Amino acid sequence: MPVVRDDEQIKNILKSQKKVAVVGISPDPSRPSYFVSEVLKNYGFKLYFVNPKYAGQEILGGKVYRKISEIPDEIDIVDIFRRPVDVPPVAEEAQKKGFKTFWFQPGTVNEEVVKELTEKGYNVVVDRCMKIEAVRLLED
């Protein structure tokens, strides 16, 4: 499946895929992973936070997991807040767990992972902020 760029397709993803693993969450309200998550939560997304540094703590009322595989539920979207160099092992673990869409926030894109995931048939959203797209496309 090619990279998802069409607004209607992105809107469909946002409306139908509500379980989101936020990888790279920070407890710092000034960090994008925090304020993006805060907005997504207000839009009714069920968020699962992943960051080994804060595992076992709570951020925005949600438990933080060490890794994706510890999340006790199915995942629809993997929303990535990591440096591009750190993305391959996250993508590998996400594939083992299972997911529908891999969402690269701006500044997180790893082209090798994009190529691999699209070739395997996953939805991949590249270089778009999930918060901005939710606000833009879900305001009916």
N, C-alpha and C. Protein backbone atom coordinates (compact mmCIF):
# COMPACT_ATOMS: atom_id res chain seq x y z
N MET A 1 0.85 -1.19 0.00
CA MET A 1 0.00 0.00 0.00
C MET A 1 0.89 1.24 0.00
N PRO A 2 0.58 2.21 -0.84
CA PRO A 2 1.43 3.41 -0.87
C PRO A 2 1.22 4.27 0.37
N VAL A 3 2.10 5.22 0.54
CA VAL A 3 1.97 6.17 1.65
C VAL A 3 0.62 6.88 1.52
N VAL A 4 -0.07 7.02 2.65
CA VAL A 4 -1.39 7.66 2.65
C VAL A 4 -1.21 9.17 2.69
N ARG A 5 -1.69 9.84 1.63
CA ARG A 5 -1.56 11.30 1.55
C ARG A 5 -2.92 11.98 1.36
N ASP A 6 -3.89 11.23 0.89
CA ASP A 6 -5.21 11.76 0.57
C ASP A 6 -5.98 12.11 1.85
N ASP A 7 -6.53 13.34 1.89
CA ASP A 7 -7.26 13.79 3.08
C ASP A 7 -8.39 12.84 3.45
N GLU A 8 -9.11 12.35 2.47
CA GLU A 8 -10.25 11.48 2.75
C GLU A 8 -9.79 10.17 3.39
N GLN A 9 -8.68 9.63 2.91
CA GLN A 9 -8.12 8.39 3.49
C GLN A 9 -7.64 8.65 4.92
N ILE A 10 -6.98 9.78 5.14
CA ILE A 10 -6.50 10.11 6.48
C ILE A 10 -7.69 10.30 7.42
N LYS A 11 -8.71 10.96 6.94
CA LYS A 11 -9.92 11.17 7.74
C LYS A 11 -10.55 9.82 8.12
N ASN A 12 -10.61 8.90 7.16
CA ASN A 12 -11.15 7.57 7.45
C ASN A 12 -10.33 6.84 8.51
N ILE A 13 -9.01 6.96 8.42
CA ILE A 13 -8.14 6.36 9.44
C ILE A 13 -8.46 6.95 10.80
N LEU A 14 -8.54 8.28 10.87
CA LEU A 14 -8.78 8.96 12.15
C LEU A 14 -10.16 8.62 12.72
N LYS A 15 -11.13 8.38 11.87
CA LYS A 15 -12.48 8.06 12.35
C LYS A 15 -12.62 6.60 12.76
N SER A 16 -11.88 5.70 12.13
CA SER A 16 -12.09 4.27 12.37
C SER A 16 -11.03 3.60 13.22
N GLN A 17 -9.89 4.22 13.37
CA GLN A 17 -8.79 3.61 14.12
C GLN A 17 -8.53 4.44 15.38
N LYS A 18 -9.06 3.98 16.50
CA LYS A 18 -9.07 4.80 17.71
C LYS A 18 -8.08 4.37 18.79
N LYS A 19 -7.42 3.23 18.63
CA LYS A 19 -6.46 2.77 19.64
C LYS A 19 -5.05 3.11 19.17
N VAL A 20 -4.41 4.02 19.90
CA VAL A 20 -3.14 4.60 19.44
C VAL A 20 -2.02 4.34 20.45
N ALA A 21 -0.93 3.77 19.97
CA ALA A 21 0.29 3.65 20.77
C ALA A 21 1.13 4.88 20.49
N VAL A 22 1.33 5.71 21.51
CA VAL A 22 2.15 6.91 21.38
C VAL A 22 3.55 6.55 21.85
N VAL A 23 4.46 6.39 20.89
CA VAL A 23 5.81 5.93 21.20
C VAL A 23 6.74 7.13 21.34
N GLY A 24 7.28 7.30 22.55
CA GLY A 24 8.16 8.43 22.83
C GLY A 24 7.46 9.49 23.65
N ILE A 25 6.42 9.10 24.40
CA ILE A 25 5.68 10.04 25.24
C ILE A 25 6.62 10.70 26.26
N SER A 26 6.33 11.94 26.57
CA SER A 26 7.09 12.68 27.59
C SER A 26 6.10 13.28 28.58
N PRO A 27 6.48 13.36 29.86
CA PRO A 27 5.62 14.01 30.85
C PRO A 27 5.69 15.53 30.79
N ASP A 28 6.54 16.07 29.92
CA ASP A 28 6.75 17.50 29.81
C ASP A 28 5.68 18.10 28.88
N PRO A 29 4.79 18.96 29.43
CA PRO A 29 3.70 19.54 28.62
C PRO A 29 4.17 20.36 27.42
N SER A 30 5.44 20.77 27.39
CA SER A 30 5.94 21.55 26.26
C SER A 30 6.42 20.66 25.11
N ARG A 31 6.47 19.34 25.34
CA ARG A 31 6.94 18.42 24.31
C ARG A 31 5.79 18.02 23.39
N PRO A 32 6.05 17.92 22.08
CA PRO A 32 4.99 17.55 21.14
C PRO A 32 4.26 16.25 21.52
N SER A 33 4.99 15.24 21.99
CA SER A 33 4.32 13.97 22.31
C SER A 33 3.25 14.17 23.39
N TYR A 34 3.47 15.11 24.28
CA TYR A 34 2.50 15.38 25.35
C TYR A 34 1.30 16.16 24.82
N PHE A 35 1.56 17.30 24.17
CA PHE A 35 0.40 18.13 23.78
C PHE A 35 -0.37 17.54 22.61
N VAL A 36 0.28 16.77 21.76
CA VAL A 36 -0.45 16.05 20.71
C VAL A 36 -1.37 15.01 21.36
N SER A 37 -0.83 14.27 22.32
CA SER A 37 -1.63 13.25 23.01
C SER A 37 -2.81 13.86 23.74
N GLU A 38 -2.59 15.01 24.35
CA GLU A 38 -3.66 15.69 25.08
C GLU A 38 -4.84 16.01 24.14
N VAL A 39 -4.54 16.50 22.96
CA VAL A 39 -5.59 16.82 21.99
C VAL A 39 -6.25 15.54 21.47
N LEU A 40 -5.45 14.53 21.14
CA LEU A 40 -6.01 13.28 20.63
C LEU A 40 -6.96 12.65 21.64
N LYS A 41 -6.59 12.71 22.91
CA LYS A 41 -7.44 12.17 23.98
C LYS A 41 -8.80 12.89 23.96
N ASN A 42 -8.78 14.19 23.77
CA ASN A 42 -10.02 14.97 23.72
C ASN A 42 -10.87 14.62 22.50
N TYR A 43 -10.26 14.03 21.48
CA TYR A 43 -11.00 13.60 20.29
C TYR A 43 -11.48 12.15 20.41
N GLY A 44 -11.31 11.57 21.58
CA GLY A 44 -11.83 10.23 21.82
C GLY A 44 -10.92 9.08 21.46
N PHE A 45 -9.65 9.37 21.20
CA PHE A 45 -8.70 8.29 20.95
C PHE A 45 -8.32 7.63 22.27
N LYS A 46 -8.17 6.30 22.25
CA LYS A 46 -7.68 5.55 23.40
C LYS A 46 -6.17 5.47 23.24
N LEU A 47 -5.46 6.10 24.15
CA LEU A 47 -4.01 6.22 24.02
C LEU A 47 -3.27 5.24 24.94
N TYR A 48 -2.24 4.65 24.39
CA TYR A 48 -1.34 3.78 25.14
C TYR A 48 0.05 4.39 25.00
N PHE A 49 0.64 4.75 26.12
CA PHE A 49 1.92 5.46 26.09
C PHE A 49 3.09 4.49 26.22
N VAL A 50 4.12 4.74 25.41
CA VAL A 50 5.29 3.87 25.39
C VAL A 50 6.54 4.73 25.52
N ASN A 51 7.30 4.48 26.58
CA ASN A 51 8.60 5.10 26.77
C ASN A 51 9.27 4.38 27.94
N PRO A 52 10.34 3.62 27.67
CA PRO A 52 10.98 2.88 28.77
C PRO A 52 11.45 3.76 29.92
N LYS A 53 11.78 5.00 29.61
CA LYS A 53 12.26 5.94 30.63
C LYS A 53 11.19 6.23 31.69
N TYR A 54 9.92 6.18 31.30
CA TYR A 54 8.83 6.52 32.22
C TYR A 54 7.91 5.34 32.49
N ALA A 55 8.35 4.13 32.15
CA ALA A 55 7.52 2.93 32.31
C ALA A 55 7.01 2.82 33.76
N GLY A 56 5.72 2.50 33.88
CA GLY A 56 5.10 2.34 35.18
C GLY A 56 4.51 3.63 35.73
N GLN A 57 4.91 4.76 35.17
CA GLN A 57 4.34 6.04 35.60
C GLN A 57 3.04 6.30 34.85
N GLU A 58 2.36 7.37 35.23
CA GLU A 58 1.17 7.80 34.51
C GLU A 58 1.42 9.17 33.88
N ILE A 59 0.98 9.30 32.64
CA ILE A 59 1.03 10.58 31.94
C ILE A 59 -0.36 10.78 31.34
N LEU A 60 -0.93 11.94 31.54
CA LEU A 60 -2.27 12.26 31.03
C LEU A 60 -3.29 11.18 31.44
N GLY A 61 -3.10 10.63 32.63
CA GLY A 61 -4.03 9.64 33.16
C GLY A 61 -3.86 8.24 32.60
N GLY A 62 -2.83 8.04 31.79
CA GLY A 62 -2.60 6.72 31.19
C GLY A 62 -1.28 6.13 31.63
N LYS A 63 -1.28 4.81 31.80
CA LYS A 63 -0.06 4.09 32.19
C LYS A 63 0.96 4.13 31.06
N VAL A 64 2.21 4.26 31.42
CA VAL A 64 3.30 4.24 30.44
C VAL A 64 3.92 2.84 30.42
N TYR A 65 4.03 2.28 29.22
CA TYR A 65 4.59 0.95 29.04
C TYR A 65 6.03 1.06 28.56
N ARG A 66 6.80 0.02 28.88
CA ARG A 66 8.21 -0.03 28.48
C ARG A 66 8.33 -0.20 26.96
N LYS A 67 7.45 -1.06 26.41
CA LYS A 67 7.49 -1.31 24.96
C LYS A 67 6.10 -1.66 24.45
N ILE A 68 5.94 -1.61 23.15
CA ILE A 68 4.65 -1.84 22.51
C ILE A 68 4.08 -3.21 22.88
N SER A 69 4.94 -4.21 22.96
CA SER A 69 4.47 -5.57 23.23
C SER A 69 3.79 -5.70 24.59
N GLU A 70 4.01 -4.77 25.51
CA GLU A 70 3.39 -4.82 26.84
C GLU A 70 1.96 -4.27 26.84
N ILE A 71 1.56 -3.59 25.78
CA ILE A 71 0.21 -3.02 25.72
C ILE A 71 -0.79 -4.17 25.68
N PRO A 72 -1.76 -4.17 26.62
CA PRO A 72 -2.66 -5.32 26.76
C PRO A 72 -3.83 -5.33 25.77
N ASP A 73 -3.83 -4.47 24.81
CA ASP A 73 -4.94 -4.34 23.87
C ASP A 73 -4.40 -4.36 22.45
N GLU A 74 -5.30 -4.50 21.49
CA GLU A 74 -4.89 -4.36 20.09
C GLU A 74 -4.61 -2.89 19.81
N ILE A 75 -3.76 -2.65 18.84
CA ILE A 75 -3.38 -1.28 18.47
C ILE A 75 -3.79 -1.03 17.02
N ASP A 76 -4.36 0.13 16.77
CA ASP A 76 -4.69 0.53 15.41
C ASP A 76 -3.57 1.36 14.79
N ILE A 77 -3.12 2.36 15.55
CA ILE A 77 -2.14 3.32 15.03
C ILE A 77 -0.91 3.35 15.95
N VAL A 78 0.26 3.33 15.34
CA VAL A 78 1.50 3.59 16.06
C VAL A 78 1.91 5.01 15.70
N ASP A 79 1.85 5.91 16.68
CA ASP A 79 2.18 7.33 16.47
C ASP A 79 3.58 7.55 17.03
N ILE A 80 4.53 7.84 16.14
CA ILE A 80 5.93 7.80 16.53
C ILE A 80 6.51 9.19 16.80
N PHE A 81 7.11 9.31 17.98
CA PHE A 81 7.82 10.53 18.41
C PHE A 81 9.24 10.13 18.78
N ARG A 82 9.98 9.63 17.82
CA ARG A 82 11.36 9.21 18.04
C ARG A 82 12.21 9.72 16.89
N ARG A 83 13.51 9.78 17.11
CA ARG A 83 14.42 10.18 16.04
C ARG A 83 14.38 9.10 14.94
N PRO A 84 14.55 9.49 13.68
CA PRO A 84 14.50 8.50 12.60
C PRO A 84 15.39 7.29 12.82
N VAL A 85 16.56 7.50 13.39
CA VAL A 85 17.50 6.40 13.62
C VAL A 85 16.95 5.39 14.63
N ASP A 86 16.04 5.82 15.51
CA ASP A 86 15.47 4.95 16.54
C ASP A 86 14.19 4.22 16.10
N VAL A 87 13.74 4.49 14.88
CA VAL A 87 12.45 3.95 14.44
C VAL A 87 12.48 2.47 14.05
N PRO A 88 13.54 1.95 13.40
CA PRO A 88 13.48 0.55 12.94
C PRO A 88 13.11 -0.48 14.02
N PRO A 89 13.72 -0.45 15.21
CA PRO A 89 13.30 -1.46 16.19
C PRO A 89 11.85 -1.28 16.66
N VAL A 90 11.36 -0.05 16.67
CA VAL A 90 9.96 0.21 17.04
C VAL A 90 9.05 -0.40 15.98
N ALA A 91 9.38 -0.20 14.71
CA ALA A 91 8.57 -0.74 13.63
C ALA A 91 8.57 -2.27 13.66
N GLU A 92 9.72 -2.84 13.96
CA GLU A 92 9.83 -4.30 14.04
C GLU A 92 8.93 -4.84 15.17
N GLU A 93 9.00 -4.21 16.32
CA GLU A 93 8.18 -4.64 17.45
C GLU A 93 6.69 -4.43 17.15
N ALA A 94 6.36 -3.32 16.51
CA ALA A 94 4.96 -3.03 16.17
C ALA A 94 4.40 -4.09 15.23
N GLN A 95 5.21 -4.55 14.29
CA GLN A 95 4.75 -5.59 13.37
C GLN A 95 4.45 -6.89 14.10
N LYS A 96 5.24 -7.21 15.10
CA LYS A 96 4.99 -8.42 15.90
C LYS A 96 3.70 -8.27 16.70
N LYS A 97 3.46 -7.08 17.21
CA LYS A 97 2.26 -6.81 18.01
C LYS A 97 1.02 -6.78 17.11
N GLY A 98 1.17 -6.16 15.96
CA GLY A 98 0.05 -5.98 15.04
C GLY A 98 -0.48 -4.55 15.12
N PHE A 99 -0.74 -3.95 13.99
CA PHE A 99 -1.28 -2.59 13.90
C PHE A 99 -1.80 -2.38 12.49
N LYS A 100 -2.48 -1.26 12.26
CA LYS A 100 -3.01 -0.95 10.93
C LYS A 100 -2.28 0.20 10.26
N THR A 101 -1.94 1.24 11.05
CA THR A 101 -1.33 2.45 10.49
C THR A 101 -0.11 2.85 11.30
N PHE A 102 0.97 3.16 10.61
CA PHE A 102 2.18 3.68 11.25
C PHE A 102 2.25 5.15 10.89
N TRP A 103 2.21 6.00 11.91
CA TRP A 103 2.12 7.45 11.71
C TRP A 103 3.43 8.12 12.09
N PHE A 104 4.12 8.65 11.08
CA PHE A 104 5.38 9.36 11.32
C PHE A 104 5.09 10.84 11.55
N GLN A 105 5.28 11.30 12.78
CA GLN A 105 5.16 12.72 13.08
C GLN A 105 6.27 13.47 12.33
N PRO A 106 6.12 14.77 12.08
CA PRO A 106 7.18 15.54 11.41
C PRO A 106 8.52 15.37 12.15
N GLY A 107 9.55 15.12 11.39
CA GLY A 107 10.89 14.97 11.96
C GLY A 107 11.24 13.56 12.40
N THR A 108 10.33 12.60 12.20
CA THR A 108 10.58 11.23 12.65
C THR A 108 10.75 10.24 11.50
N VAL A 109 10.63 10.72 10.28
CA VAL A 109 10.56 9.83 9.12
C VAL A 109 11.87 9.07 8.88
N ASN A 110 11.74 7.76 8.79
CA ASN A 110 12.84 6.89 8.41
C ASN A 110 12.42 6.24 7.09
N GLU A 111 13.07 6.65 6.00
CA GLU A 111 12.65 6.22 4.66
C GLU A 111 12.71 4.71 4.46
N GLU A 112 13.70 4.05 5.07
CA GLU A 112 13.79 2.59 4.95
C GLU A 112 12.57 1.92 5.58
N VAL A 113 12.14 2.42 6.73
CA VAL A 113 10.98 1.86 7.41
C VAL A 113 9.71 2.16 6.61
N VAL A 114 9.61 3.37 6.06
CA VAL A 114 8.46 3.72 5.22
C VAL A 114 8.35 2.71 4.07
N LYS A 115 9.46 2.47 3.39
CA LYS A 115 9.49 1.54 2.26
C LYS A 115 9.09 0.13 2.69
N GLU A 116 9.68 -0.34 3.78
CA GLU A 116 9.39 -1.69 4.27
C GLU A 116 7.92 -1.86 4.63
N LEU A 117 7.37 -0.91 5.37
CA LEU A 117 5.99 -1.04 5.83
C LEU A 117 4.99 -0.92 4.67
N THR A 118 5.25 -0.02 3.73
CA THR A 118 4.33 0.11 2.59
C THR A 118 4.39 -1.16 1.72
N GLU A 119 5.58 -1.73 1.56
CA GLU A 119 5.70 -2.96 0.78
C GLU A 119 4.95 -4.11 1.45
N LYS A 120 4.85 -4.08 2.76
CA LYS A 120 4.15 -5.14 3.50
C LYS A 120 2.65 -4.87 3.61
N GLY A 121 2.20 -3.74 3.06
CA GLY A 121 0.78 -3.46 3.01
C GLY A 121 0.19 -2.66 4.15
N TYR A 122 1.04 -2.11 5.00
CA TYR A 122 0.54 -1.27 6.10
C TYR A 122 0.20 0.13 5.59
N ASN A 123 -0.77 0.78 6.24
CA ASN A 123 -0.99 2.21 6.03
C ASN A 123 0.19 2.94 6.65
N VAL A 124 0.73 3.91 5.95
CA VAL A 124 1.82 4.72 6.48
C VAL A 124 1.50 6.19 6.20
N VAL A 125 1.48 6.99 7.26
CA VAL A 125 1.29 8.43 7.13
C VAL A 125 2.63 9.07 7.47
N VAL A 126 3.09 9.93 6.57
CA VAL A 126 4.45 10.47 6.67
C VAL A 126 4.44 11.98 6.86
N ASP A 127 5.20 12.42 7.88
CA ASP A 127 5.50 13.84 8.05
C ASP A 127 4.25 14.71 8.25
N ARG A 128 3.25 14.16 8.92
CA ARG A 128 2.06 14.93 9.27
C ARG A 128 1.82 14.76 10.76
N CYS A 129 1.38 15.82 11.38
CA CYS A 129 1.08 15.78 12.81
C CYS A 129 -0.33 15.23 13.01
N MET A 130 -0.45 14.18 13.79
CA MET A 130 -1.75 13.56 14.01
C MET A 130 -2.72 14.53 14.68
N LYS A 131 -2.23 15.38 15.55
CA LYS A 131 -3.08 16.39 16.21
C LYS A 131 -3.63 17.37 15.18
N ILE A 132 -2.77 17.89 14.34
CA ILE A 132 -3.20 18.87 13.34
C ILE A 132 -4.22 18.24 12.38
N GLU A 133 -3.94 16.99 11.96
CA GLU A 133 -4.87 16.33 11.04
C GLU A 133 -6.20 16.02 11.72
N ALA A 134 -6.19 15.65 13.00
CA ALA A 134 -7.43 15.38 13.72
C ALA A 134 -8.26 16.67 13.83
N VAL A 135 -7.63 17.76 14.20
CA VAL A 135 -8.34 19.03 14.33
C VAL A 135 -8.89 19.46 12.97
N ARG A 136 -8.08 19.30 11.94
CA ARG A 136 -8.46 19.74 10.60
C ARG A 136 -9.55 18.88 9.97
N LEU A 137 -9.45 17.56 10.15
CA LEU A 137 -10.33 16.65 9.43
C LEU A 137 -11.52 16.11 10.22
N LEU A 138 -11.46 16.20 11.54
CA LEU A 138 -12.55 15.65 12.36
C LEU A 138 -13.53 16.71 12.83
N GLU A 139 -13.29 17.96 12.48
CA GLU A 139 -14.20 19.04 12.85
C GLU A 139 -15.32 19.13 11.82
N ASP A 140 -16.30 18.25 11.95
CA ASP A 140 -17.42 18.26 10.98
C ASP A 140 -18.49 19.25 11.37
